[in-house]
Amino acid sequence: MSLKTALRQSRVVTFALLAASVWTILTMIQVYRSLGPLSETVPGQTWASGVVGLLVLAALLGLFVYAFAEAGDAQPQPTPFSPDE
């Protein structure tokens, strides 16, 4: 079963991918806001860890976008065989 078929036939998978995408975006916003003026007021939270977190979340979001793009991509169809030729 291809990804396109799975997303078309299973609404649960489509909804789960969409929900995970929204959750990832909201988490990216939260991480970006926690960077603030790049201060180190909270122990363990530095600007470097925030940037790395944003990069990892952006890569995850890229995978979700790729999955949705793959689902909408039209696959090439084989040319019909004509026995007359």
N, C-alpha and C. Protein backbone atom coordinates (compact mmCIF):
# COMPACT_ATOMS: atom_id res chain seq x y z
N MET A 1 0.86 -1.17 0.00
CA MET A 1 0.00 0.00 0.00
C MET A 1 0.90 1.23 0.00
N SER A 2 0.64 2.11 -0.92
CA SER A 2 1.44 3.33 -0.99
C SER A 2 0.94 4.35 0.03
N LEU A 3 1.76 5.36 0.24
CA LEU A 3 1.38 6.42 1.18
C LEU A 3 0.13 7.15 0.69
N LYS A 4 0.04 7.35 -0.62
CA LYS A 4 -1.12 8.03 -1.19
C LYS A 4 -2.39 7.23 -0.93
N THR A 5 -2.33 5.93 -1.12
CA THR A 5 -3.49 5.07 -0.87
C THR A 5 -3.83 5.04 0.61
N ALA A 6 -2.82 4.99 1.46
CA ALA A 6 -3.07 4.94 2.90
C ALA A 6 -3.76 6.21 3.38
N LEU A 7 -3.30 7.37 2.91
CA LEU A 7 -3.91 8.62 3.35
C LEU A 7 -5.31 8.80 2.78
N ARG A 8 -5.54 8.26 1.59
CA ARG A 8 -6.87 8.39 0.99
C ARG A 8 -7.87 7.47 1.66
N GLN A 9 -7.45 6.26 2.01
CA GLN A 9 -8.38 5.28 2.55
C GLN A 9 -8.56 5.37 4.06
N SER A 10 -7.58 5.86 4.77
CA SER A 10 -7.65 5.90 6.22
C SER A 10 -7.69 7.35 6.70
N ARG A 11 -8.83 7.77 7.11
CA ARG A 11 -8.98 9.14 7.64
C ARG A 11 -8.25 9.30 8.96
N VAL A 12 -8.07 8.22 9.71
CA VAL A 12 -7.38 8.29 10.99
C VAL A 12 -5.91 8.65 10.78
N VAL A 13 -5.28 8.04 9.78
CA VAL A 13 -3.88 8.33 9.49
C VAL A 13 -3.73 9.77 9.03
N THR A 14 -4.63 10.22 8.17
CA THR A 14 -4.58 11.60 7.68
C THR A 14 -4.76 12.58 8.83
N PHE A 15 -5.72 12.32 9.70
CA PHE A 15 -5.96 13.20 10.84
C PHE A 15 -4.77 13.18 11.79
N ALA A 16 -4.16 12.01 11.99
CA ALA A 16 -3.00 11.91 12.89
C ALA A 16 -1.82 12.71 12.34
N LEU A 17 -1.58 12.64 11.03
CA LEU A 17 -0.50 13.42 10.43
C LEU A 17 -0.77 14.91 10.53
N LEU A 18 -2.01 15.29 10.31
CA LEU A 18 -2.37 16.70 10.41
C LEU A 18 -2.24 17.20 11.85
N ALA A 19 -2.70 16.40 12.80
CA ALA A 19 -2.60 16.79 14.22
C ALA A 19 -1.14 16.88 14.65
N ALA A 20 -0.31 15.94 14.19
CA ALA A 20 1.11 15.99 14.54
C ALA A 20 1.79 17.21 13.92
N SER A 21 1.36 17.59 12.73
CA SER A 21 1.92 18.78 12.09
C SER A 21 1.57 20.04 12.88
N VAL A 22 0.33 20.15 13.29
CA VAL A 22 -0.10 21.31 14.07
C VAL A 22 0.62 21.34 15.41
N TRP A 23 0.76 20.18 16.05
CA TRP A 23 1.47 20.11 17.33
C TRP A 23 2.92 20.54 17.16
N THR A 24 3.55 20.13 16.07
CA THR A 24 4.94 20.50 15.81
C THR A 24 5.07 22.00 15.62
N ILE A 25 4.16 22.61 14.90
CA ILE A 25 4.19 24.06 14.69
C ILE A 25 4.01 24.79 16.01
N LEU A 26 3.05 24.35 16.83
CA LEU A 26 2.83 24.99 18.12
C LEU A 26 4.04 24.84 19.04
N THR A 27 4.70 23.68 18.99
CA THR A 27 5.90 23.47 19.79
C THR A 27 7.03 24.36 19.31
N MET A 28 7.14 24.54 17.99
CA MET A 28 8.17 25.43 17.45
C MET A 28 7.95 26.86 17.93
N ILE A 29 6.70 27.29 17.96
CA ILE A 29 6.39 28.63 18.45
C ILE A 29 6.77 28.76 19.92
N GLN A 30 6.46 27.74 20.71
CA GLN A 30 6.79 27.77 22.13
C GLN A 30 8.30 27.81 22.35
N VAL A 31 9.06 27.03 21.59
CA VAL A 31 10.51 27.03 21.72
C VAL A 31 11.06 28.39 21.30
N TYR A 32 10.54 28.95 20.23
CA TYR A 32 11.01 30.26 19.77
C TYR A 32 10.74 31.34 20.81
N ARG A 33 9.55 31.29 21.44
CA ARG A 33 9.23 32.28 22.48
C ARG A 33 10.09 32.11 23.71
N SER A 34 10.50 30.86 24.01
CA SER A 34 11.34 30.64 25.18
C SER A 34 12.76 31.17 24.97
N LEU A 35 13.16 31.33 23.70
CA LEU A 35 14.47 31.93 23.43
C LEU A 35 14.48 33.37 23.88
N GLY A 36 13.39 34.07 23.63
CA GLY A 36 13.27 35.46 24.05
C GLY A 36 14.45 36.29 23.60
N PRO A 37 15.02 37.06 24.50
CA PRO A 37 16.19 37.87 24.14
C PRO A 37 17.49 37.07 24.22
N LEU A 38 17.38 35.76 24.11
CA LEU A 38 18.54 34.86 24.21
C LEU A 38 19.23 34.97 25.56
N SER A 39 18.42 35.14 26.58
CA SER A 39 18.98 35.21 27.93
C SER A 39 19.08 33.80 28.51
N GLU A 40 19.93 33.64 29.48
CA GLU A 40 20.11 32.35 30.13
C GLU A 40 19.59 32.42 31.57
N THR A 41 18.32 32.75 31.71
CA THR A 41 17.75 32.87 33.05
C THR A 41 17.37 31.52 33.63
N VAL A 42 17.05 30.56 32.79
CA VAL A 42 16.65 29.24 33.26
C VAL A 42 17.84 28.30 33.09
N PRO A 43 18.25 27.60 34.15
CA PRO A 43 19.39 26.69 34.01
C PRO A 43 19.09 25.59 33.00
N GLY A 44 20.03 25.34 32.12
CA GLY A 44 19.87 24.28 31.13
C GLY A 44 19.29 24.75 29.82
N GLN A 45 18.70 25.93 29.77
CA GLN A 45 18.14 26.45 28.53
C GLN A 45 19.05 27.54 28.00
N THR A 46 19.79 27.20 26.99
CA THR A 46 20.67 28.17 26.35
C THR A 46 20.16 28.45 24.95
N TRP A 47 20.71 29.46 24.31
CA TRP A 47 20.27 29.79 22.96
C TRP A 47 20.65 28.66 22.00
N ALA A 48 21.75 27.98 22.26
CA ALA A 48 22.18 26.89 21.38
C ALA A 48 21.21 25.73 21.43
N SER A 49 20.75 25.38 22.61
CA SER A 49 19.79 24.27 22.71
C SER A 49 18.46 24.65 22.08
N GLY A 50 18.07 25.90 22.16
CA GLY A 50 16.84 26.35 21.51
C GLY A 50 16.94 26.30 20.00
N VAL A 51 18.09 26.69 19.47
CA VAL A 51 18.28 26.66 18.01
C VAL A 51 18.31 25.22 17.52
N VAL A 52 18.98 24.34 18.25
CA VAL A 52 19.01 22.93 17.86
C VAL A 52 17.61 22.33 17.91
N GLY A 53 16.86 22.67 18.94
CA GLY A 53 15.48 22.20 19.02
C GLY A 53 14.63 22.68 17.86
N LEU A 54 14.80 23.94 17.47
CA LEU A 54 14.06 24.46 16.32
C LEU A 54 14.46 23.76 15.04
N LEU A 55 15.74 23.45 14.89
CA LEU A 55 16.19 22.74 13.69
C LEU A 55 15.61 21.33 13.62
N VAL A 56 15.58 20.65 14.75
CA VAL A 56 15.02 19.29 14.78
C VAL A 56 13.52 19.33 14.48
N LEU A 57 12.82 20.27 15.07
CA LEU A 57 11.38 20.38 14.80
C LEU A 57 11.11 20.79 13.36
N ALA A 58 11.96 21.63 12.79
CA ALA A 58 11.80 22.01 11.38
C ALA A 58 12.02 20.80 10.47
N ALA A 59 12.98 19.94 10.81
CA ALA A 59 13.19 18.72 10.02
C ALA A 59 11.98 17.80 10.12
N LEU A 60 11.41 17.68 11.31
CA LEU A 60 10.21 16.86 11.49
C LEU A 60 9.04 17.43 10.70
N LEU A 61 8.89 18.74 10.73
CA LEU A 61 7.82 19.38 9.95
C LEU A 61 8.06 19.17 8.46
N GLY A 62 9.32 19.19 8.04
CA GLY A 62 9.64 18.91 6.64
C GLY A 62 9.22 17.50 6.23
N LEU A 63 9.37 16.54 7.13
CA LEU A 63 8.91 15.18 6.84
C LEU A 63 7.40 15.12 6.69
N PHE A 64 6.68 15.86 7.52
CA PHE A 64 5.23 15.89 7.40
C PHE A 64 4.80 16.54 6.08
N VAL A 65 5.46 17.62 5.71
CA VAL A 65 5.15 18.28 4.44
C VAL A 65 5.45 17.34 3.28
N TYR A 66 6.57 16.62 3.36
CA TYR A 66 6.90 15.66 2.31
C TYR A 66 5.83 14.57 2.22
N ALA A 67 5.33 14.09 3.36
CA ALA A 67 4.30 13.05 3.35
C ALA A 67 3.04 13.55 2.67
N PHE A 68 2.62 14.79 2.99
CA PHE A 68 1.42 15.33 2.35
C PHE A 68 1.66 15.61 0.87
N ALA A 69 2.87 16.04 0.51
CA ALA A 69 3.18 16.28 -0.91
C ALA A 69 3.20 14.97 -1.68
N GLU A 70 3.72 13.94 -1.06
CA GLU A 70 3.74 12.63 -1.71
C GLU A 70 2.33 12.10 -1.91
N ALA A 71 1.45 12.40 -0.98
CA ALA A 71 0.08 11.92 -1.09
C ALA A 71 -0.66 12.61 -2.23
N GLY A 72 -0.31 13.85 -2.52
CA GLY A 72 -0.99 14.56 -3.58
C GLY A 72 -0.34 14.42 -4.94
N ASP A 73 0.80 13.75 -5.01
CA ASP A 73 1.53 13.61 -6.26
C ASP A 73 0.85 12.57 -7.14
N ALA A 74 0.66 12.92 -8.40
CA ALA A 74 0.05 11.99 -9.35
C ALA A 74 1.13 11.03 -9.85
N GLN A 75 0.87 9.76 -9.73
CA GLN A 75 1.83 8.77 -10.19
C GLN A 75 1.66 8.54 -11.69
N PRO A 76 2.75 8.31 -12.40
CA PRO A 76 2.61 8.08 -13.83
C PRO A 76 1.87 6.79 -14.12
N GLN A 77 1.02 6.83 -15.10
CA GLN A 77 0.24 5.67 -15.50
C GLN A 77 0.94 4.98 -16.67
N PRO A 78 0.86 3.67 -16.74
CA PRO A 78 1.47 2.99 -17.87
C PRO A 78 0.69 3.27 -19.16
N THR A 79 1.39 3.27 -20.26
CA THR A 79 0.71 3.49 -21.54
C THR A 79 -0.03 2.21 -21.93
N PRO A 80 -1.24 2.37 -22.43
CA PRO A 80 -2.00 1.15 -22.80
C PRO A 80 -1.38 0.45 -24.00
N PHE A 81 -1.45 -0.85 -23.98
CA PHE A 81 -0.89 -1.66 -25.06
C PHE A 81 -1.96 -1.90 -26.10
N SER A 82 -1.64 -1.57 -27.31
CA SER A 82 -2.58 -1.77 -28.40
C SER A 82 -2.12 -2.96 -29.24
N PRO A 83 -2.92 -4.01 -29.33
CA PRO A 83 -2.48 -5.19 -30.08
C PRO A 83 -2.45 -4.95 -31.60
N ASP A 84 -3.04 -3.85 -32.07
CA ASP A 84 -3.07 -3.59 -33.51
C ASP A 84 -1.72 -3.13 -34.03
N GLU A 85 -0.89 -2.59 -33.20
CA GLU A 85 0.39 -2.06 -33.66
C GLU A 85 1.45 -3.08 -33.77
